[in-house]
């Protein structure tokens, strides 16, 4: 299962979410601004308040950077990269 940590209004999160939607990839989205539990999980797994953050629970793969996440989805059979593939993250305050 793919768990994606996001926050509303983050352009880099939106880039990943748009890709997920366009390619019908099933994820469990966890908004760190709507859930203290999600923020705690993000800090425990990734060690910093940076988003987007992906955890592939089936393979225990974790990563930041929107472009890296999209490339990972592509490598797992999740479509082609069609968006701007420059790296990007947000740092929730």
N, C-alpha and C. Protein backbone atom coordinates (compact mmCIF):
# COMPACT_ATOMS: atom_id res chain seq x y z
N UNK A 1 0.85 -1.18 0.00
CA UNK A 1 0.00 0.00 0.00
C UNK A 1 0.89 1.24 0.00
N UNK A 2 0.47 2.24 -0.76
CA UNK A 2 1.17 3.51 -0.80
C UNK A 2 0.51 4.47 0.18
N UNK A 3 1.29 5.01 1.12
CA UNK A 3 0.82 6.04 2.03
C UNK A 3 1.54 7.32 1.65
N UNK A 4 0.75 8.35 1.31
CA UNK A 4 1.32 9.63 0.88
C UNK A 4 0.94 10.71 1.88
N UNK A 5 1.96 11.32 2.47
CA UNK A 5 1.76 12.40 3.44
C UNK A 5 1.80 13.72 2.67
N UNK A 6 0.76 14.54 2.87
CA UNK A 6 0.58 15.78 2.12
C UNK A 6 0.10 16.88 3.05
N UNK A 7 -0.10 18.07 2.47
CA UNK A 7 -0.85 19.14 3.12
C UNK A 7 -1.59 19.90 2.03
N UNK A 8 -2.72 20.43 2.38
CA UNK A 8 -3.53 21.20 1.43
C UNK A 8 -2.75 22.42 0.96
N UNK A 9 -2.84 22.70 -0.33
CA UNK A 9 -2.23 23.89 -0.90
C UNK A 9 -0.77 23.75 -1.28
N UNK A 10 -0.15 22.63 -1.02
CA UNK A 10 1.26 22.40 -1.37
C UNK A 10 1.34 22.07 -2.87
N UNK A 11 2.03 22.90 -3.68
CA UNK A 11 2.08 22.63 -5.12
C UNK A 11 2.79 21.33 -5.46
N UNK A 12 3.75 20.92 -4.65
CA UNK A 12 4.49 19.69 -4.91
C UNK A 12 3.64 18.47 -4.56
N UNK A 13 2.85 18.59 -3.49
CA UNK A 13 1.90 17.54 -3.15
C UNK A 13 0.87 17.41 -4.26
N UNK A 14 0.39 18.56 -4.73
CA UNK A 14 -0.61 18.55 -5.80
C UNK A 14 -0.06 17.92 -7.07
N UNK A 15 1.21 18.13 -7.36
CA UNK A 15 1.84 17.51 -8.53
C UNK A 15 1.73 15.99 -8.41
N UNK A 16 2.06 15.45 -7.23
CA UNK A 16 1.99 14.00 -7.03
C UNK A 16 0.54 13.53 -7.06
N UNK A 17 -0.35 14.26 -6.39
CA UNK A 17 -1.76 13.86 -6.35
C UNK A 17 -2.37 13.87 -7.75
N UNK A 18 -2.02 14.86 -8.57
CA UNK A 18 -2.51 14.90 -9.95
C UNK A 18 -2.03 13.67 -10.72
N UNK A 19 -0.76 13.32 -10.55
CA UNK A 19 -0.21 12.15 -11.22
C UNK A 19 -0.92 10.88 -10.78
N UNK A 20 -1.14 10.77 -9.48
CA UNK A 20 -1.82 9.59 -8.92
C UNK A 20 -3.22 9.47 -9.53
N UNK A 21 -3.93 10.58 -9.60
CA UNK A 21 -5.28 10.56 -10.15
C UNK A 21 -5.28 10.22 -11.64
N UNK A 22 -4.38 10.83 -12.40
CA UNK A 22 -4.31 10.59 -13.84
C UNK A 22 -3.98 9.14 -14.17
N UNK A 23 -3.28 8.48 -13.26
CA UNK A 23 -2.81 7.12 -13.53
C UNK A 23 -3.51 6.06 -12.68
N UNK A 24 -4.60 6.47 -12.02
CA UNK A 24 -5.42 5.54 -11.23
C UNK A 24 -4.61 4.71 -10.23
N UNK A 25 -3.71 5.39 -9.52
CA UNK A 25 -2.89 4.73 -8.51
C UNK A 25 -3.61 4.86 -7.17
N UNK A 26 -3.78 3.73 -6.50
CA UNK A 26 -4.45 3.72 -5.21
C UNK A 26 -3.48 4.11 -4.10
N UNK A 27 -3.83 5.15 -3.34
CA UNK A 27 -2.99 5.60 -2.23
C UNK A 27 -3.86 5.82 -1.00
N UNK A 28 -3.20 5.88 0.13
CA UNK A 28 -3.81 6.32 1.37
C UNK A 28 -3.20 7.68 1.67
N UNK A 29 -3.94 8.76 1.38
CA UNK A 29 -3.43 10.11 1.59
C UNK A 29 -3.64 10.51 3.03
N UNK A 30 -2.59 11.06 3.65
CA UNK A 30 -2.68 11.52 5.03
C UNK A 30 -2.20 12.96 5.08
N UNK A 31 -3.14 13.87 5.33
CA UNK A 31 -2.86 15.29 5.37
C UNK A 31 -2.33 15.65 6.76
N UNK A 32 -1.08 16.12 6.79
CA UNK A 32 -0.43 16.40 8.07
C UNK A 32 -0.99 17.63 8.78
N UNK A 33 -1.73 18.48 8.07
CA UNK A 33 -2.36 19.64 8.70
C UNK A 33 -3.73 19.31 9.26
N UNK A 34 -4.31 18.23 8.79
CA UNK A 34 -5.63 17.84 9.27
C UNK A 34 -5.56 16.79 10.36
N UNK A 35 -4.38 16.22 10.58
CA UNK A 35 -4.25 15.13 11.55
C UNK A 35 -2.92 15.21 12.28
N UNK A 36 -2.99 15.37 13.59
CA UNK A 36 -1.77 15.34 14.40
C UNK A 36 -1.12 13.96 14.34
N UNK A 37 -1.94 12.94 14.20
CA UNK A 37 -1.41 11.57 14.09
C UNK A 37 -0.58 11.44 12.82
N UNK A 38 -1.08 11.98 11.71
CA UNK A 38 -0.34 11.92 10.45
C UNK A 38 1.00 12.66 10.57
N UNK A 39 1.00 13.82 11.23
CA UNK A 39 2.25 14.56 11.41
C UNK A 39 3.23 13.76 12.27
N UNK A 40 2.72 13.12 13.31
CA UNK A 40 3.57 12.30 14.17
C UNK A 40 4.16 11.13 13.37
N UNK A 41 3.33 10.47 12.55
CA UNK A 41 3.81 9.37 11.71
C UNK A 41 4.90 9.86 10.76
N UNK A 42 4.67 11.02 10.13
CA UNK A 42 5.65 11.60 9.20
C UNK A 42 6.98 11.80 9.91
N UNK A 43 6.96 12.36 11.09
CA UNK A 43 8.19 12.63 11.84
C UNK A 43 8.88 11.33 12.25
N UNK A 44 8.10 10.33 12.64
CA UNK A 44 8.68 9.05 13.05
C UNK A 44 9.30 8.32 11.86
N UNK A 45 8.64 8.37 10.71
CA UNK A 45 9.12 7.63 9.53
C UNK A 45 10.23 8.38 8.80
N UNK A 46 10.01 9.67 8.58
CA UNK A 46 10.95 10.43 7.75
C UNK A 46 11.95 11.27 8.51
N UNK A 47 11.60 11.64 9.73
CA UNK A 47 12.52 12.41 10.55
C UNK A 47 12.53 13.91 10.33
N UNK A 48 11.70 14.39 9.41
CA UNK A 48 11.62 15.83 9.19
C UNK A 48 10.23 16.20 8.68
N UNK A 49 9.90 17.49 8.79
CA UNK A 49 8.57 17.99 8.45
C UNK A 49 8.50 18.39 6.97
N UNK A 50 8.97 17.54 6.12
CA UNK A 50 9.00 17.83 4.69
C UNK A 50 7.97 16.97 3.98
N UNK A 51 7.24 17.58 3.06
CA UNK A 51 6.24 16.86 2.28
C UNK A 51 6.36 17.27 0.82
N UNK A 52 5.90 16.46 -0.12
CA UNK A 52 5.26 15.17 0.08
C UNK A 52 6.26 14.12 0.55
N UNK A 53 5.73 13.10 1.20
CA UNK A 53 6.52 11.97 1.68
C UNK A 53 5.73 10.70 1.37
N UNK A 54 6.39 9.76 0.73
CA UNK A 54 5.76 8.50 0.36
C UNK A 54 6.33 7.36 1.17
N UNK A 55 5.44 6.48 1.64
CA UNK A 55 5.86 5.22 2.27
C UNK A 55 5.14 4.10 1.54
N UNK A 56 5.92 3.26 0.85
CA UNK A 56 5.39 2.04 0.24
C UNK A 56 5.50 0.97 1.32
N UNK A 57 4.38 0.69 1.97
CA UNK A 57 4.40 -0.22 3.11
C UNK A 57 4.68 -1.66 2.70
N UNK A 58 4.39 -2.02 1.46
CA UNK A 58 4.64 -3.38 0.99
C UNK A 58 6.14 -3.66 0.84
N UNK A 59 6.88 -2.64 0.43
CA UNK A 59 8.32 -2.81 0.18
C UNK A 59 9.18 -2.06 1.19
N UNK A 60 8.54 -1.37 2.13
CA UNK A 60 9.21 -0.55 3.14
C UNK A 60 10.18 0.46 2.50
N UNK A 61 9.69 1.09 1.44
CA UNK A 61 10.43 2.14 0.74
C UNK A 61 9.84 3.47 1.18
N UNK A 62 10.71 4.43 1.54
CA UNK A 62 10.25 5.76 1.95
C UNK A 62 11.06 6.81 1.21
N UNK A 63 10.37 7.90 0.81
CA UNK A 63 11.08 8.95 0.09
C UNK A 63 10.34 10.29 0.14
N UNK A 64 11.14 11.35 -0.01
CA UNK A 64 10.66 12.70 -0.19
C UNK A 64 10.83 13.06 -1.67
N UNK A 65 10.53 14.31 -2.03
CA UNK A 65 10.71 14.87 -3.37
C UNK A 65 9.65 14.39 -4.35
N UNK A 66 8.85 15.32 -4.82
CA UNK A 66 7.74 14.98 -5.71
C UNK A 66 8.21 14.26 -6.97
N UNK A 67 9.30 14.71 -7.58
CA UNK A 67 9.78 14.06 -8.80
C UNK A 67 10.22 12.63 -8.52
N UNK A 68 10.87 12.41 -7.38
CA UNK A 68 11.31 11.06 -7.02
C UNK A 68 10.11 10.14 -6.78
N UNK A 69 9.09 10.69 -6.14
CA UNK A 69 7.88 9.90 -5.87
C UNK A 69 7.20 9.50 -7.18
N UNK A 70 7.09 10.45 -8.10
CA UNK A 70 6.47 10.16 -9.40
C UNK A 70 7.31 9.12 -10.15
N UNK A 71 8.62 9.26 -10.13
CA UNK A 71 9.49 8.27 -10.78
C UNK A 71 9.32 6.90 -10.14
N UNK A 72 9.14 6.87 -8.82
CA UNK A 72 8.94 5.59 -8.13
C UNK A 72 7.63 4.95 -8.59
N UNK A 73 6.56 5.75 -8.65
CA UNK A 73 5.29 5.22 -9.15
C UNK A 73 5.47 4.66 -10.56
N UNK A 74 6.20 5.39 -11.39
CA UNK A 74 6.44 4.94 -12.76
C UNK A 74 7.18 3.60 -12.76
N UNK A 75 8.18 3.47 -11.89
CA UNK A 75 8.96 2.23 -11.84
C UNK A 75 8.14 1.04 -11.34
N UNK A 76 7.05 1.35 -10.66
CA UNK A 76 6.17 0.30 -10.14
C UNK A 76 5.00 0.02 -11.09
N UNK A 77 5.08 0.57 -12.31
CA UNK A 77 4.05 0.33 -13.31
C UNK A 77 2.93 1.34 -13.27
N UNK A 78 3.17 2.51 -12.70
CA UNK A 78 2.12 3.51 -12.54
C UNK A 78 2.15 4.63 -13.55
N UNK A 79 2.25 4.31 -14.85
CA UNK A 79 2.12 5.33 -15.90
C UNK A 79 3.44 5.98 -16.26
N UNK A 80 3.33 7.04 -17.05
CA UNK A 80 4.48 7.79 -17.53
C UNK A 80 4.53 9.15 -16.87
N UNK A 81 5.73 9.68 -16.68
CA UNK A 81 5.88 11.02 -16.14
C UNK A 81 5.52 12.01 -17.23
N UNK A 82 4.49 12.82 -16.98
CA UNK A 82 4.08 13.81 -17.95
C UNK A 82 4.15 15.22 -17.38
N UNK A 83 4.26 15.33 -16.08
CA UNK A 83 4.35 16.63 -15.42
C UNK A 83 5.81 17.09 -15.39
N UNK A 84 6.02 18.33 -14.99
CA UNK A 84 7.35 18.85 -14.75
C UNK A 84 8.04 17.92 -13.76
N UNK A 85 9.22 17.41 -14.11
CA UNK A 85 9.86 16.42 -13.25
C UNK A 85 10.99 17.00 -12.40
N UNK A 86 10.99 18.32 -12.17
CA UNK A 86 11.97 18.90 -11.28
C UNK A 86 11.61 18.59 -9.84
N UNK A 87 12.61 18.39 -8.98
CA UNK A 87 12.33 18.06 -7.58
C UNK A 87 11.53 19.17 -6.90
N UNK A 88 10.80 18.79 -5.87
CA UNK A 88 10.09 19.79 -5.12
C UNK A 88 9.49 19.23 -3.84
N UNK A 89 9.55 20.06 -2.81
CA UNK A 89 8.99 19.70 -1.52
C UNK A 89 8.41 20.95 -0.86
N UNK A 90 7.60 20.75 0.15
CA UNK A 90 7.14 21.82 1.03
C UNK A 90 7.60 21.50 2.44
N UNK A 91 7.79 22.52 3.23
CA UNK A 91 8.15 22.34 4.63
C UNK A 91 7.00 22.94 5.45
N UNK A 92 6.12 22.08 6.03
CA UNK A 92 5.03 22.59 6.84
C UNK A 92 5.58 23.33 8.06
N UNK A 93 4.97 24.44 8.38
CA UNK A 93 5.43 25.19 9.55
C UNK A 93 4.69 24.77 10.79
